């Protein structure tokens, strides 16, 4: 197989990089497809490469081939793009992060106003576990290729310190506030990670911390956003998001929403079958 190692491809950021067959192969493996299915798709995508092709074009071709193989494979492969589709506002992403924490054993409140010494702050997620409180700020980007630079943890750290300074003076707060988190659907720059470590902020991004990033947690817990579905239309997804159905597993519990959308029984069966397969952690 010609690996096209010398071909330049264009990332969503506009950066030009060498095409990597191994990266494509590994991303396909995460979809759940078996070795033979992965190699067949790799071979077909590889044959259609050309100088200057975009990563988005490569993704679209691989996604299309996976969907023909099995819908649930394509849905898992789509995870990163599906999180972008939670936009354009950041609120569905905040609820999504809150749901991940809830299924990780936290008691969660979303979109809470807390007092600081200097000003009040709208906090995206307040989470409690083991008698301690964590405040979580979410930085959502709906454009690919954008990273979180050091300004983001700098800003959030100052807010966290203001809230914590007031927290310890309030006798009603019986549980200590001991951690601040920054969560993004993209990636942190090296400076952002360095600052986070120095300031004792917990940073969570698509692939950070290593083997425990957003992607790893979603796969491990089976907490896929409703937007991964390849069987629901964009209109149907937006309807569900507007009803606070952010996770696939929520739709299993609230399947009556599919009746509200006027979805036929045969199509509803296919959608729920796909959703149930995705939720198997």
Protein backbone atom coordinates (compact mmCIF):
# COMPACT_ATOMS: atom_id res chain seq x y z
CA UNK A 1 0.00 0.00 0.00
CA UNK A 2 1.32 3.43 -0.89
CA UNK A 3 1.35 5.36 2.39
CA UNK A 4 1.58 8.81 0.79
CA UNK A 5 4.07 9.86 3.47
CA UNK A 6 5.19 12.80 1.34
CA UNK A 7 1.72 14.28 0.85
CA UNK A 8 0.97 17.57 2.61
CA UNK A 9 -2.51 17.92 4.09
CA UNK A 10 -4.15 21.04 5.51
CA UNK A 11 -5.45 21.04 9.10
CA UNK A 12 -8.52 23.05 10.18
CA UNK A 13 -6.15 25.64 11.66
CA UNK A 14 -4.63 26.16 8.22
CA UNK A 15 -1.39 24.45 9.23
CA UNK A 16 0.25 22.21 6.64
CA UNK A 17 1.42 18.80 7.91
CA UNK A 18 2.47 15.46 6.45
CA UNK A 19 -0.28 12.88 6.12
CA UNK A 20 -0.04 10.03 8.63
CA UNK A 21 -1.62 6.72 7.75
CA UNK A 22 -1.17 5.53 11.34
CA UNK A 23 -3.19 8.46 12.73
CA UNK A 24 -6.05 7.66 10.37
CA UNK A 25 -5.86 3.98 11.26
CA UNK A 26 -5.86 4.67 15.02
CA UNK A 27 -8.83 7.02 14.82
CA UNK A 28 -10.78 4.38 12.91
CA UNK A 29 -9.91 1.72 15.50
CA UNK A 30 -11.53 3.85 18.20
CA UNK A 31 -14.83 3.61 16.32
CA UNK A 32 -15.12 -0.07 17.19
CA UNK A 33 -14.59 -1.32 13.64
CA UNK A 34 -12.57 -4.55 13.38
CA UNK A 35 -9.14 -4.90 11.78
CA UNK A 36 -10.42 -5.91 8.34
CA UNK A 37 -12.98 -3.09 8.23
CA UNK A 38 -10.36 -0.53 9.31
CA UNK A 39 -7.83 -1.68 6.69
CA UNK A 40 -10.45 -1.59 3.93
CA UNK A 41 -11.37 2.01 4.76
CA UNK A 42 -7.71 3.05 5.15
CA UNK A 43 -6.95 1.60 1.72
CA UNK A 44 -9.86 3.38 0.04
CA UNK A 45 -9.11 6.74 1.67
CA UNK A 46 -5.41 6.36 0.89
CA UNK A 47 -6.18 5.82 -2.81
CA UNK A 48 -8.09 9.13 -2.96
CA UNK A 49 -5.46 11.36 -1.34
CA UNK A 50 -3.96 14.29 -3.21
CA UNK A 51 -1.57 17.12 -2.39
CA UNK A 52 -3.24 19.80 -0.27
CA UNK A 53 -6.31 17.78 0.72
CA UNK A 54 -7.87 19.02 3.95
CA UNK A 55 -8.25 16.95 7.10
CA UNK A 56 -11.97 17.71 6.87
CA UNK A 57 -12.18 16.05 3.45
CA UNK A 58 -10.31 13.01 4.76
CA UNK A 59 -12.65 12.85 7.74
CA UNK A 60 -15.78 13.12 5.57
CA UNK A 61 -14.63 10.27 3.34
CA UNK A 62 -13.75 8.01 6.29
CA UNK A 63 -17.02 8.88 8.05
CA UNK A 64 -19.06 8.05 4.96
CA UNK A 65 -17.36 4.66 4.58
CA UNK A 66 -17.81 3.87 8.29
CA UNK A 67 -21.50 4.77 8.13
CA UNK A 68 -21.97 2.31 5.27
CA UNK A 69 -20.23 -0.34 7.38
CA UNK A 70 -22.20 0.30 10.59
CA UNK A 71 -23.95 3.44 11.82
CA UNK A 72 -22.68 3.16 15.40
CA UNK A 73 -19.05 3.07 14.17
CA UNK A 74 -19.58 6.35 12.33
CA UNK A 75 -21.21 7.90 15.40
CA UNK A 76 -18.24 7.07 17.65
CA UNK A 77 -15.83 8.30 14.98
CA UNK A 78 -17.75 11.59 14.85
CA UNK A 79 -17.34 12.33 18.57
CA UNK A 80 -15.06 15.36 18.30
CA UNK A 81 -17.20 17.04 15.64
CA UNK A 82 -20.34 16.13 17.57
CA UNK A 83 -19.13 18.16 20.55
CA UNK A 84 -18.63 21.18 18.27
CA UNK A 85 -22.25 20.70 17.19
CA UNK A 86 -23.37 21.33 20.78
CA UNK A 87 -22.94 25.04 19.90
CA UNK A 88 -23.18 27.74 18.77
CA UNK A 89 -23.63 28.80 22.42
CA UNK A 90 -21.65 27.18 25.21
CA UNK A 91 -24.62 26.26 27.40
CA UNK A 92 -25.25 22.73 26.01
CA UNK A 93 -21.53 22.04 26.50
CA UNK A 94 -21.78 23.16 30.13
CA UNK A 95 -24.67 20.75 30.66
CA UNK A 96 -22.68 18.03 28.90
CA UNK A 97 -19.68 18.56 31.21
CA UNK A 98 -22.05 18.59 34.20
CA UNK A 99 -23.51 15.25 33.07
CA UNK A 100 -20.05 13.68 32.76
CA UNK A 101 -19.26 14.77 36.33
CA UNK A 102 -22.62 13.53 37.58
CA UNK A 103 -22.01 10.07 36.14
CA UNK A 104 -18.55 10.21 37.75
CA UNK A 105 -20.10 10.44 41.22
CA UNK A 106 -20.46 14.20 41.68
CA UNK A 107 -23.56 16.10 42.78
CA UNK A 108 -23.86 18.82 40.17
CA UNK A 109 -25.49 22.22 39.70
CA UNK A 110 -25.20 24.07 36.39
CA UNK A 111 -25.16 27.84 35.80
CA UNK A 112 -24.88 29.04 39.42
CA UNK A 113 -24.17 32.57 40.67
CA UNK A 114 -21.60 32.70 43.49
CA UNK A 115 -20.39 35.71 45.43
CA UNK A 116 -16.78 36.77 45.40
CA UNK A 117 -15.07 39.34 47.59
CA UNK A 118 -14.97 41.81 44.71
CA UNK A 119 -17.89 40.86 42.40
CA UNK A 120 -20.44 38.09 41.81
CA UNK A 121 -19.61 35.36 39.31
CA UNK A 122 -21.72 33.17 37.05
CA UNK A 123 -20.18 29.73 37.47
CA UNK A 124 -20.78 27.12 34.78
CA UNK A 125 -20.76 24.04 37.03
CA UNK A 126 -20.56 23.59 40.80
CA UNK A 127 -19.77 19.98 41.73
CA UNK A 128 -19.65 18.26 45.13
CA UNK A 129 -17.96 14.97 45.98
CA UNK A 130 -16.46 13.54 49.18
CA UNK A 131 -17.62 16.60 51.16
CA UNK A 132 -15.64 19.04 49.04
CA UNK A 133 -16.75 21.55 46.41
CA UNK A 134 -15.25 22.15 42.97
CA UNK A 135 -16.12 24.97 40.60
CA UNK A 136 -15.82 24.24 36.90
CA UNK A 137 -15.57 26.78 34.12
CA UNK A 138 -16.15 25.63 30.53
CA UNK A 139 -14.52 27.18 27.48
CA UNK A 140 -16.40 26.11 24.38
CA UNK A 141 -15.17 26.72 20.84
CA UNK A 142 -17.48 26.01 17.91
CA UNK A 143 -14.71 26.45 15.35
CA UNK A 144 -12.11 23.76 14.76
CA UNK A 145 -8.45 24.70 14.93
CA UNK A 146 -8.76 27.08 17.90
CA UNK A 147 -6.89 26.29 21.11
CA UNK A 148 -7.19 27.63 24.64
CA UNK A 149 -4.21 29.86 25.35
CA UNK A 150 -2.81 30.90 28.73
CA UNK A 151 -5.25 33.83 29.03
CA UNK A 152 -8.09 31.39 29.75
CA UNK A 153 -6.66 29.72 32.92
CA UNK A 154 -5.27 33.10 34.02
CA UNK A 155 -8.75 34.63 33.90
CA UNK A 156 -10.50 31.66 35.49
CA UNK A 157 -7.89 31.40 38.25
CA UNK A 158 -8.57 35.02 39.27
CA UNK A 159 -12.32 34.29 39.41
CA UNK A 160 -11.73 31.14 41.44
CA UNK A 161 -9.58 33.05 43.95
CA UNK A 162 -12.23 35.77 44.33
CA UNK A 163 -14.97 33.17 44.95
CA UNK A 164 -12.81 31.17 47.37
CA UNK A 165 -11.85 34.27 49.37
CA UNK A 166 -15.54 34.95 49.99
CA UNK A 167 -16.43 31.27 50.44
CA UNK A 168 -14.29 30.84 53.58
CA UNK A 169 -15.95 33.85 55.24
CA UNK A 170 -19.50 32.46 54.84
CA UNK A 171 -20.48 30.25 57.77
CA UNK A 172 -23.23 28.65 55.65
CA UNK A 173 -20.57 27.00 53.50
CA UNK A 174 -19.85 23.91 55.57
CA UNK A 175 -17.93 22.12 52.81
CA UNK A 176 -14.54 23.45 51.67
CA UNK A 177 -14.05 24.83 48.18
CA UNK A 178 -10.75 23.24 47.26
CA UNK A 179 -10.43 23.03 43.49
CA UNK A 180 -10.99 24.97 40.29
CA UNK A 181 -11.35 23.29 36.91
CA UNK A 182 -11.07 24.57 33.35
CA UNK A 183 -12.71 22.37 30.69
CA UNK A 184 -12.52 22.92 26.94
CA UNK A 185 -13.63 20.94 23.91
CA UNK A 186 -10.40 21.83 22.07
CA UNK A 187 -6.79 21.75 23.30
CA UNK A 188 -4.69 23.82 25.70
CA UNK A 189 -1.46 25.48 24.60
CA UNK A 190 1.74 24.49 26.40
CA UNK A 191 1.74 27.80 28.32
CA UNK A 192 -1.84 27.19 29.47
CA UNK A 193 -0.92 23.73 30.78
CA UNK A 194 2.20 25.08 32.49
CA UNK A 195 0.18 27.82 34.20
CA UNK A 196 -2.54 25.37 35.22
CA UNK A 197 0.00 23.12 36.95
CA UNK A 198 1.66 26.07 38.70
CA UNK A 199 -1.66 27.55 39.87
CA UNK A 200 -3.09 24.14 40.88
CA UNK A 201 -5.96 24.42 38.41
CA UNK A 202 -7.24 21.16 36.98
CA UNK A 203 -7.26 21.36 33.18
CA UNK A 204 -9.42 19.01 31.10
CA UNK A 205 -9.41 19.14 27.30
CA UNK A 206 -10.08 16.85 24.36
CA UNK A 207 -6.83 14.92 24.95
CA UNK A 208 -5.49 16.21 28.27
CA UNK A 209 -4.63 14.81 30.79
CA UNK A 210 -3.09 11.96 28.82
CA UNK A 211 -5.42 8.93 28.81
CA UNK A 212 -7.92 10.82 30.97
CA UNK A 213 -9.01 13.62 28.64
CA UNK A 214 -12.56 14.42 27.59
CA UNK A 215 -12.50 11.82 24.81
CA UNK A 216 -11.23 9.09 27.15
CA UNK A 217 -13.87 9.85 29.78
CA UNK A 218 -16.68 9.81 27.23
CA UNK A 219 -15.56 6.47 25.81
CA UNK A 220 -14.99 4.97 29.25
CA UNK A 221 -18.37 6.02 30.64
CA UNK A 222 -20.37 5.67 27.42
CA UNK A 223 -21.53 9.29 27.78
CA UNK A 224 -21.89 10.31 24.15
CA UNK A 225 -23.58 13.61 23.26
CA UNK A 226 -26.85 13.30 21.35
CA UNK A 227 -25.17 15.07 18.42
CA UNK A 228 -23.08 11.97 17.56
CA UNK A 229 -26.13 10.23 16.14
CA UNK A 230 -25.96 9.63 12.40
CA UNK A 231 -29.67 8.78 12.28
CA UNK A 232 -31.13 11.94 13.84
CA UNK A 233 -31.46 15.05 11.68
CA UNK A 234 -29.97 18.40 12.75
CA UNK A 235 -33.49 19.70 13.43
CA UNK A 236 -34.24 16.73 15.66
CA UNK A 237 -30.97 17.15 17.56
CA UNK A 238 -31.67 20.83 18.18
CA UNK A 239 -35.15 19.95 19.42
CA UNK A 240 -33.70 17.47 21.91
CA UNK A 241 -30.99 19.89 23.07
CA UNK A 242 -33.66 22.54 23.66
CA UNK A 243 -35.38 20.00 25.97
CA UNK A 244 -32.11 19.46 27.90
CA UNK A 245 -31.53 16.05 26.33
CA UNK A 246 -27.75 16.32 25.93
CA UNK A 247 -26.65 12.70 26.37
CA UNK A 248 -27.61 9.66 24.32
CA UNK A 249 -28.45 7.78 27.50
CA UNK A 250 -30.92 10.52 28.45
CA UNK A 251 -32.83 9.77 25.26
CA UNK A 252 -33.23 6.13 26.30
CA UNK A 253 -34.97 7.35 29.45
CA UNK A 254 -36.92 10.12 27.67
CA UNK A 255 -37.72 8.30 24.42
CA UNK A 256 -41.18 9.92 24.37
CA UNK A 257 -39.46 12.95 22.78
CA UNK A 258 -39.11 10.87 19.60
CA UNK A 259 -42.91 10.59 19.53
CA UNK A 260 -43.18 14.37 19.91
CA UNK A 261 -40.98 14.66 16.82
CA UNK A 262 -43.36 12.46 14.85
CA UNK A 263 -40.72 9.81 14.15
CA UNK A 264 -42.09 6.55 12.76
CA UNK A 265 -41.89 3.38 14.84
CA UNK A 266 -39.46 1.67 12.44
CA UNK A 267 -37.10 4.66 12.43
CA UNK A 268 -37.45 5.07 16.21
CA UNK A 269 -36.36 1.45 16.66
CA UNK A 270 -33.22 2.06 14.57
CA UNK A 271 -32.37 5.27 16.45
CA UNK A 272 -32.78 3.67 19.88
CA UNK A 273 -30.78 0.62 18.81
CA UNK A 274 -27.90 2.89 17.76
CA UNK A 275 -28.17 4.89 20.99
CA UNK A 276 -28.17 1.78 23.19
CA UNK A 277 -25.04 0.44 21.45
CA UNK A 278 -23.29 3.78 22.03
CA UNK A 279 -24.16 3.78 25.73
CA UNK A 280 -22.50 0.44 26.40
CA UNK A 281 -19.37 1.65 28.20
